[in-house]
N, C-alpha and C. Protein backbone atom coordinates (compact mmCIF):
# COMPACT_ATOMS: atom_id res chain seq x y z
N MET A 1 11.66 27.55 18.32
CA MET A 1 11.86 27.06 19.45
C MET A 1 10.64 26.91 20.25
N PRO A 2 10.71 26.14 21.19
CA PRO A 2 9.55 25.34 21.48
C PRO A 2 8.88 26.81 22.43
N SER A 3 7.35 26.82 22.40
CA SER A 3 6.74 27.98 23.40
C SER A 3 6.72 27.72 24.71
N ASN A 4 7.08 26.33 25.16
CA ASN A 4 7.02 25.94 26.50
C ASN A 4 8.73 25.37 26.94
N THR A 5 9.52 26.18 27.27
CA THR A 5 11.20 25.21 27.22
C THR A 5 10.96 25.07 28.72
N LEU A 6 10.20 24.39 29.50
CA LEU A 6 10.49 23.61 30.46
C LEU A 6 10.83 21.96 30.37
N TYR A 7 10.47 21.75 29.38
CA TYR A 7 10.43 20.63 28.75
C TYR A 7 11.04 20.27 27.46
N THR A 8 12.03 20.92 27.64
CA THR A 8 13.30 21.05 26.75
C THR A 8 14.31 20.08 26.90
N LYS A 9 15.04 19.81 26.36
CA LYS A 9 16.63 19.15 26.43
C LYS A 9 17.06 20.03 27.23
N GLU A 10 17.31 21.18 26.57
CA GLU A 10 18.35 21.71 27.44
C GLU A 10 17.58 22.27 28.30
N ASN A 11 16.96 22.58 29.07
CA ASN A 11 15.76 22.52 30.36
C ASN A 11 16.52 21.69 31.36
N GLU A 12 16.73 20.25 30.72
CA GLU A 12 17.06 18.94 31.39
C GLU A 12 18.55 19.82 31.57
N ILE A 13 18.91 19.72 30.77
CA ILE A 13 20.64 20.34 31.33
C ILE A 13 21.19 20.81 32.03
N LEU A 14 20.45 22.19 31.69
CA LEU A 14 19.98 23.22 32.67
C LEU A 14 20.27 22.90 34.10
N THR A 15 19.13 21.99 34.60
CA THR A 15 18.57 22.12 35.74
C THR A 15 19.78 20.99 36.55
N ARG A 16 19.84 20.17 35.54
CA ARG A 16 21.23 19.13 36.48
C ARG A 16 22.52 19.67 36.69
N LEU A 17 23.11 20.44 35.98
CA LEU A 17 23.61 21.07 36.17
C LEU A 17 24.04 21.93 37.78
N MET A 18 22.72 22.61 37.62
CA MET A 18 22.07 23.69 38.71
C MET A 18 22.61 22.66 40.13
N ARG A 19 21.86 21.51 39.53
CA ARG A 19 21.65 20.55 41.23
C ARG A 19 23.51 20.06 41.33
N GLU A 20 23.96 20.14 40.37
CA GLU A 20 25.44 19.11 40.55
C GLU A 20 26.17 20.33 41.32
N MET A 21 25.88 21.28 40.58
CA MET A 21 26.67 22.93 41.20
C MET A 21 26.69 22.69 43.05
N ARG A 22 25.20 22.61 43.00
CA ARG A 22 24.85 22.90 44.45
C ARG A 22 25.48 21.81 45.30
N VAL A 23 25.14 20.35 44.83
CA VAL A 23 25.68 19.06 45.70
C VAL A 23 27.27 19.12 45.39
N ALA A 24 28.00 19.65 44.67
CA ALA A 24 29.51 20.06 44.96
C ALA A 24 29.93 20.95 46.03
N ALA A 25 28.81 22.12 45.97
CA ALA A 25 29.45 23.13 46.76
C ALA A 25 28.98 22.45 48.62
N GLY A 26 28.61 21.72 48.78
CA GLY A 26 28.52 20.73 49.73
C GLY A 26 26.71 21.38 50.12
N LEU A 27 26.04 21.84 49.58
CA LEU A 27 24.42 22.52 49.98
C LEU A 27 23.96 21.79 49.78
N THR A 28 22.69 21.19 50.67
CA THR A 28 21.00 20.84 50.96
C THR A 28 20.40 21.64 50.01
N GLN A 29 19.64 21.33 49.40
CA GLN A 29 18.24 22.54 49.19
C GLN A 29 17.90 22.94 50.23
N ALA A 30 17.82 22.34 51.44
CA ALA A 30 17.10 23.59 52.39
C ALA A 30 18.66 24.45 52.76
N ALA A 31 19.66 24.31 52.86
CA ALA A 31 20.80 25.35 52.97
C ALA A 31 20.64 26.11 51.73
N CYS A 32 20.66 25.91 50.74
CA CYS A 32 20.77 26.37 49.28
C CYS A 32 19.50 27.57 49.46
N SER A 33 18.22 26.70 49.95
CA SER A 33 17.14 28.28 49.56
C SER A 33 17.02 28.90 51.13
N GLU A 34 17.96 28.51 51.92
CA GLU A 34 18.06 29.33 53.37
C GLU A 34 18.61 30.97 52.51
N ALA A 35 19.95 30.19 52.17
CA ALA A 35 21.01 31.67 51.74
C ALA A 35 20.46 32.44 50.47
N LEU A 36 19.53 31.82 49.58
CA LEU A 36 18.84 32.35 48.54
C LEU A 36 17.79 33.30 49.21
N GLY A 37 17.07 33.07 50.93
CA GLY A 37 16.08 33.90 51.35
C GLY A 37 14.54 33.20 50.46
N LYS A 38 14.75 32.12 50.15
CA LYS A 38 13.53 31.54 49.73
C LYS A 38 12.70 29.97 49.98
N PRO A 39 11.66 29.59 50.02
CA PRO A 39 11.61 28.17 50.85
C PRO A 39 12.29 27.19 50.06
N GLN A 40 12.48 25.79 50.45
CA GLN A 40 13.22 24.51 50.01
C GLN A 40 12.09 24.57 48.50
N SER A 41 11.03 24.89 48.54
CA SER A 41 10.47 24.46 47.41
C SER A 41 10.81 24.89 46.06
N TYR A 42 11.40 26.36 46.53
CA TYR A 42 11.72 26.78 45.01
C TYR A 42 13.40 26.59 44.53
N VAL A 43 14.16 25.80 45.66
CA VAL A 43 14.88 25.02 45.00
C VAL A 43 14.62 23.57 44.34
N SER A 44 13.46 22.96 45.19
CA SER A 44 13.16 21.73 44.62
C SER A 44 12.30 22.24 42.79
N LYS A 45 11.79 23.11 42.98
CA LYS A 45 10.67 22.98 41.92
C LYS A 45 11.92 23.65 40.70
N ILE A 46 12.87 24.22 40.96
CA ILE A 46 13.93 25.35 39.99
C ILE A 46 14.36 23.40 39.93
N GLU A 47 15.45 23.10 40.50
CA GLU A 47 16.03 21.65 40.23
C GLU A 47 15.31 20.31 39.44
N GLY A 48 13.90 20.52 39.79
CA GLY A 48 13.13 19.56 39.16
C GLY A 48 12.52 19.44 37.80
N GLY A 49 12.82 20.98 37.51
CA GLY A 49 12.30 21.26 35.79
C GLY A 49 11.23 22.34 35.87
N SER A 50 10.39 22.03 36.74
CA SER A 50 8.68 22.50 36.92
C SER A 50 8.97 24.31 36.80
N GLN A 51 10.43 25.01 37.30
CA GLN A 51 10.29 26.39 37.78
C GLN A 51 10.74 26.50 36.73
N ARG A 52 11.01 27.97 36.07
CA ARG A 52 11.77 28.80 35.07
C ARG A 52 12.61 29.50 35.73
N ILE A 53 14.18 29.92 35.49
CA ILE A 53 14.99 30.31 36.15
C ILE A 53 15.19 31.65 35.35
N ASP A 54 15.23 32.93 35.88
CA ASP A 54 16.05 34.10 34.93
C ASP A 54 17.41 34.70 35.40
N LEU A 55 17.94 34.68 34.61
CA LEU A 55 19.24 35.15 34.45
C LEU A 55 19.55 35.50 35.98
N LEU A 56 19.14 36.83 36.54
CA LEU A 56 19.12 37.48 38.08
C LEU A 56 19.24 36.46 38.83
N GLN A 57 18.45 35.05 39.00
CA GLN A 57 18.26 34.02 40.06
C GLN A 57 18.91 33.34 39.44
N LEU A 58 19.62 33.28 38.58
CA LEU A 58 20.60 32.27 38.02
C LEU A 58 21.75 32.94 38.54
N ARG A 59 21.94 33.91 38.60
CA ARG A 59 23.38 34.36 39.01
C ARG A 59 23.36 34.58 40.77
N ASP A 60 22.40 34.60 41.50
CA ASP A 60 22.23 34.53 42.87
C ASP A 60 22.60 32.99 43.59
N TYR A 61 21.88 32.14 42.29
CA TYR A 61 22.25 29.88 42.63
C TYR A 61 23.65 30.09 42.69
N CYS A 62 24.47 31.12 41.47
CA CYS A 62 25.30 30.02 41.33
C CYS A 62 26.64 31.18 42.60
N ARG A 63 26.14 32.38 43.06
CA ARG A 63 26.77 33.19 44.09
C ARG A 63 26.52 32.41 45.29
N VAL A 64 25.82 31.46 45.62
CA VAL A 64 25.40 30.82 46.74
C VAL A 64 26.17 29.73 46.73
N CYS A 65 26.55 28.73 45.91
CA CYS A 65 27.02 27.62 45.35
C CYS A 65 28.72 27.92 44.96
N GLU A 66 29.03 29.64 45.21
CA GLU A 66 30.35 29.88 45.13
C GLU A 66 31.28 29.60 43.46
N VAL A 67 30.17 29.71 42.54
CA VAL A 67 30.85 29.60 41.36
C VAL A 67 30.03 31.57 40.36
N SER A 68 31.43 31.44 39.74
CA SER A 68 31.05 32.26 38.97
C SER A 68 29.37 31.97 37.75
N LEU A 69 29.10 33.00 37.43
CA LEU A 69 27.81 32.88 36.21
C LEU A 69 28.00 32.51 35.30
N THR A 70 29.85 33.36 34.77
CA THR A 70 30.63 32.90 33.70
C THR A 70 31.03 31.92 33.40
N THR A 71 31.37 30.97 34.82
CA THR A 71 31.49 29.88 34.43
C THR A 71 30.55 28.39 34.50
N PHE A 72 29.35 28.83 35.06
CA PHE A 72 28.42 27.77 34.70
C PHE A 72 28.15 28.00 33.67
N VAL A 73 28.11 29.27 32.99
CA VAL A 73 27.53 29.11 31.60
C VAL A 73 28.55 28.65 30.51
N ARG A 74 29.87 28.60 31.15
CA ARG A 74 30.45 27.80 30.16
C ARG A 74 30.33 26.39 30.01
N ARG A 75 30.02 25.86 31.33
CA ARG A 75 29.75 24.76 31.85
C ARG A 75 28.41 23.87 31.09
N PHE A 76 27.61 24.67 31.09
CA PHE A 76 26.25 25.04 30.56
C PHE A 76 26.40 24.91 28.81
N GLU A 77 26.87 25.40 27.76
CA GLU A 77 27.24 25.53 27.51
C GLU A 77 27.96 24.22 26.31
N SER A 78 28.89 23.78 26.79
CA SER A 78 30.16 22.89 26.72
C SER A 78 29.12 21.11 26.93
N ALA A 79 28.19 21.32 28.03
CA ALA A 79 27.35 20.13 27.87
C ALA A 79 26.48 20.33 26.67
N LEU A 80 26.17 21.20 26.13
CA LEU A 80 25.20 21.31 25.21
C LEU A 80 25.88 20.77 23.77
């Protein structure tokens, strides 16, 4: 596995699916970041692929978008 996972096809898929999930939930980046208690730049960096996200952050992101973490992971695995 490459030492820098930010610039992999897998990370591109992850960030695309996160953006799609947020949009499908009807949330702007600003609304999503507010619900997360983070600045809007946090969501922008994650969705832009320049900021890594850990499992707990992903779970919070899914919760805000009203999608279960397991559902999101299934979508991610299918997209790979």
